[in-house]
């Protein structure tokens, strides 16, 4: 399932893509792009609105081993 892009006053387009991985896991991609601005350096992770989400755990060989977030239920999603 995907959502239609939404535009902000400055022309930034944003959208989400929800990709089912298996019966228990759905990966959500959050995408933003402004066609009037140059593309920056590619990055993996980095948070939302400048707030760090902790990034990713080291890769493993299971189905979603490259996409496990540091912030998770075992550490209360890095909340203090």
C-alpha atoms as a PDB file:
ATOM      1  CA  UNK A   1       0.000   0.000   0.000  1.00  0.00           C
ATOM      2  CA  UNK A   2       1.236   3.484  -0.767  1.00  0.00           C
ATOM      3  CA  UNK A   3      -0.165   6.914  -0.060  1.00  0.00           C
ATOM      4  CA  UNK A   4      -0.549   9.812  -2.468  1.00  0.00           C
ATOM      5  CA  UNK A   5       2.178  12.451  -2.205  1.00  0.00           C
ATOM      6  CA  UNK A   6       1.409  15.546  -0.158  1.00  0.00           C
ATOM      7  CA  UNK A   7       2.982  18.891  -1.041  1.00  0.00           C
ATOM      8  CA  UNK A   8       4.018  21.599   1.428  1.00  0.00           C
ATOM      9  CA  UNK A   9       4.013  25.359   0.639  1.00  0.00           C
ATOM     10  CA  UNK A  10       7.739  25.225  -0.235  1.00  0.00           C
ATOM     11  CA  UNK A  11       7.104  22.457  -2.809  1.00  0.00           C
ATOM     12  CA  UNK A  12       8.398  19.490  -0.780  1.00  0.00           C
ATOM     13  CA  UNK A  13       6.629  16.273  -1.728  1.00  0.00           C
ATOM     14  CA  UNK A  14       6.190  13.620   0.950  1.00  0.00           C
ATOM     15  CA  UNK A  15       4.678  10.166   0.983  1.00  0.00           C
ATOM     16  CA  UNK A  16       4.745   6.765   2.654  1.00  0.00           C
ATOM     17  CA  UNK A  17       5.029   3.240   1.310  1.00  0.00           C
ATOM     18  CA  UNK A  18       3.982   0.274   3.476  1.00  0.00           C
ATOM     19  CA  UNK A  19       5.606  -2.983   2.358  1.00  0.00           C
ATOM     20  CA  UNK A  20       4.508  -6.251   4.002  1.00  0.00           C
ATOM     21  CA  UNK A  21       7.558  -8.382   4.763  1.00  0.00           C
ATOM     22  CA  UNK A  22       5.835 -11.359   6.420  1.00  0.00           C
ATOM     23  CA  UNK A  23       2.816 -12.067   8.646  1.00  0.00           C
ATOM     24  CA  UNK A  24       4.239  -9.999  11.521  1.00  0.00           C
ATOM     25  CA  UNK A  25       6.390  -7.283   9.940  1.00  0.00           C
ATOM     26  CA  UNK A  26       5.534  -4.351   7.684  1.00  0.00           C
ATOM     27  CA  UNK A  27       8.277  -1.978   6.552  1.00  0.00           C
ATOM     28  CA  UNK A  28       7.287   1.682   6.253  1.00  0.00           C
ATOM     29  CA  UNK A  29       9.278   3.938   3.939  1.00  0.00           C
ATOM     30  CA  UNK A  30       8.927   7.694   4.549  1.00  0.00           C
ATOM     31  CA  UNK A  31       9.951   9.672   1.484  1.00  0.00           C
ATOM     32  CA  UNK A  32      10.395  13.444   1.088  1.00  0.00           C
ATOM     33  CA  UNK A  33      11.779  15.338  -1.883  1.00  0.00           C
ATOM     34  CA  UNK A  34      11.805  18.917  -3.072  1.00  0.00           C
ATOM     35  CA  UNK A  35      12.299  19.177  -6.853  1.00  0.00           C
ATOM     36  CA  UNK A  36      13.512  22.784  -6.465  1.00  0.00           C
ATOM     37  CA  UNK A  37      16.407  21.775  -4.191  1.00  0.00           C
ATOM     38  CA  UNK A  38      19.483  19.692  -5.062  1.00  0.00           C
ATOM     39  CA  UNK A  39      19.654  16.157  -3.717  1.00  0.00           C
ATOM     40  CA  UNK A  40      21.972  15.856  -0.735  1.00  0.00           C
ATOM     41  CA  UNK A  41      24.290  13.023   0.163  1.00  0.00           C
ATOM     42  CA  UNK A  42      22.469   9.706   0.556  1.00  0.00           C
ATOM     43  CA  UNK A  43      21.950   8.610   4.115  1.00  0.00           C
ATOM     44  CA  UNK A  44      20.523   5.609   5.875  1.00  0.00           C
ATOM     45  CA  UNK A  45      18.359   6.563   8.825  1.00  0.00           C
ATOM     46  CA  UNK A  46      18.870   9.835  10.590  1.00  0.00           C
ATOM     47  CA  UNK A  47      15.634  10.491  12.360  1.00  0.00           C
ATOM     48  CA  UNK A  48      12.660  12.739  11.866  1.00  0.00           C
ATOM     49  CA  UNK A  49      12.777  16.542  11.912  1.00  0.00           C
ATOM     50  CA  UNK A  50      16.384  16.470  13.063  1.00  0.00           C
ATOM     51  CA  UNK A  51      15.700  14.176  16.048  1.00  0.00           C
ATOM     52  CA  UNK A  52      17.803  11.008  16.002  1.00  0.00           C
ATOM     53  CA  UNK A  53      16.015   7.668  15.997  1.00  0.00           C
ATOM     54  CA  UNK A  54      19.216   5.861  17.010  1.00  0.00           C
ATOM     55  CA  UNK A  55      19.917   4.469  13.557  1.00  0.00           C
ATOM     56  CA  UNK A  56      20.117   0.764  12.771  1.00  0.00           C
ATOM     57  CA  UNK A  57      21.498  -2.269  14.568  1.00  0.00           C
ATOM     58  CA  UNK A  58      24.320  -4.213  12.861  1.00  0.00           C
ATOM     59  CA  UNK A  59      23.191  -6.385   9.937  1.00  0.00           C
ATOM     60  CA  UNK A  60      22.133  -9.974  10.592  1.00  0.00           C
ATOM     61  CA  UNK A  61      21.094 -12.781   8.242  1.00  0.00           C
ATOM     62  CA  UNK A  62      17.388 -12.972   9.151  1.00  0.00           C
ATOM     63  CA  UNK A  63      14.585 -11.552   6.949  1.00  0.00           C
ATOM     64  CA  UNK A  64      14.745  -7.999   8.248  1.00  0.00           C
ATOM     65  CA  UNK A  65      18.306  -8.139   9.556  1.00  0.00           C
ATOM     66  CA  UNK A  66      19.380  -4.996   7.719  1.00  0.00           C
ATOM     67  CA  UNK A  67      16.474  -2.931   8.988  1.00  0.00           C
ATOM     68  CA  UNK A  68      16.312  -3.402  12.772  1.00  0.00           C
ATOM     69  CA  UNK A  69      16.202  -0.049  14.531  1.00  0.00           C
ATOM     70  CA  UNK A  70      18.267   0.755  17.621  1.00  0.00           C
ATOM     71  CA  UNK A  71      15.122   2.267  19.161  1.00  0.00           C
ATOM     72  CA  UNK A  72      12.897  -0.719  19.976  1.00  0.00           C
ATOM     73  CA  UNK A  73      10.619  -2.141  22.677  1.00  0.00           C
ATOM     74  CA  UNK A  74      13.557  -3.604  24.644  1.00  0.00           C
ATOM     75  CA  UNK A  75      14.941  -0.085  25.350  1.00  0.00           C
ATOM     76  CA  UNK A  76      11.564   1.736  25.509  1.00  0.00           C
ATOM     77  CA  UNK A  77      12.304   3.271  22.094  1.00  0.00           C
ATOM     78  CA  UNK A  78      15.123   5.381  23.583  1.00  0.00           C
ATOM     79  CA  UNK A  79      12.710   7.413  25.703  1.00  0.00           C
ATOM     80  CA  UNK A  80      14.149   8.739  28.958  1.00  0.00           C
END
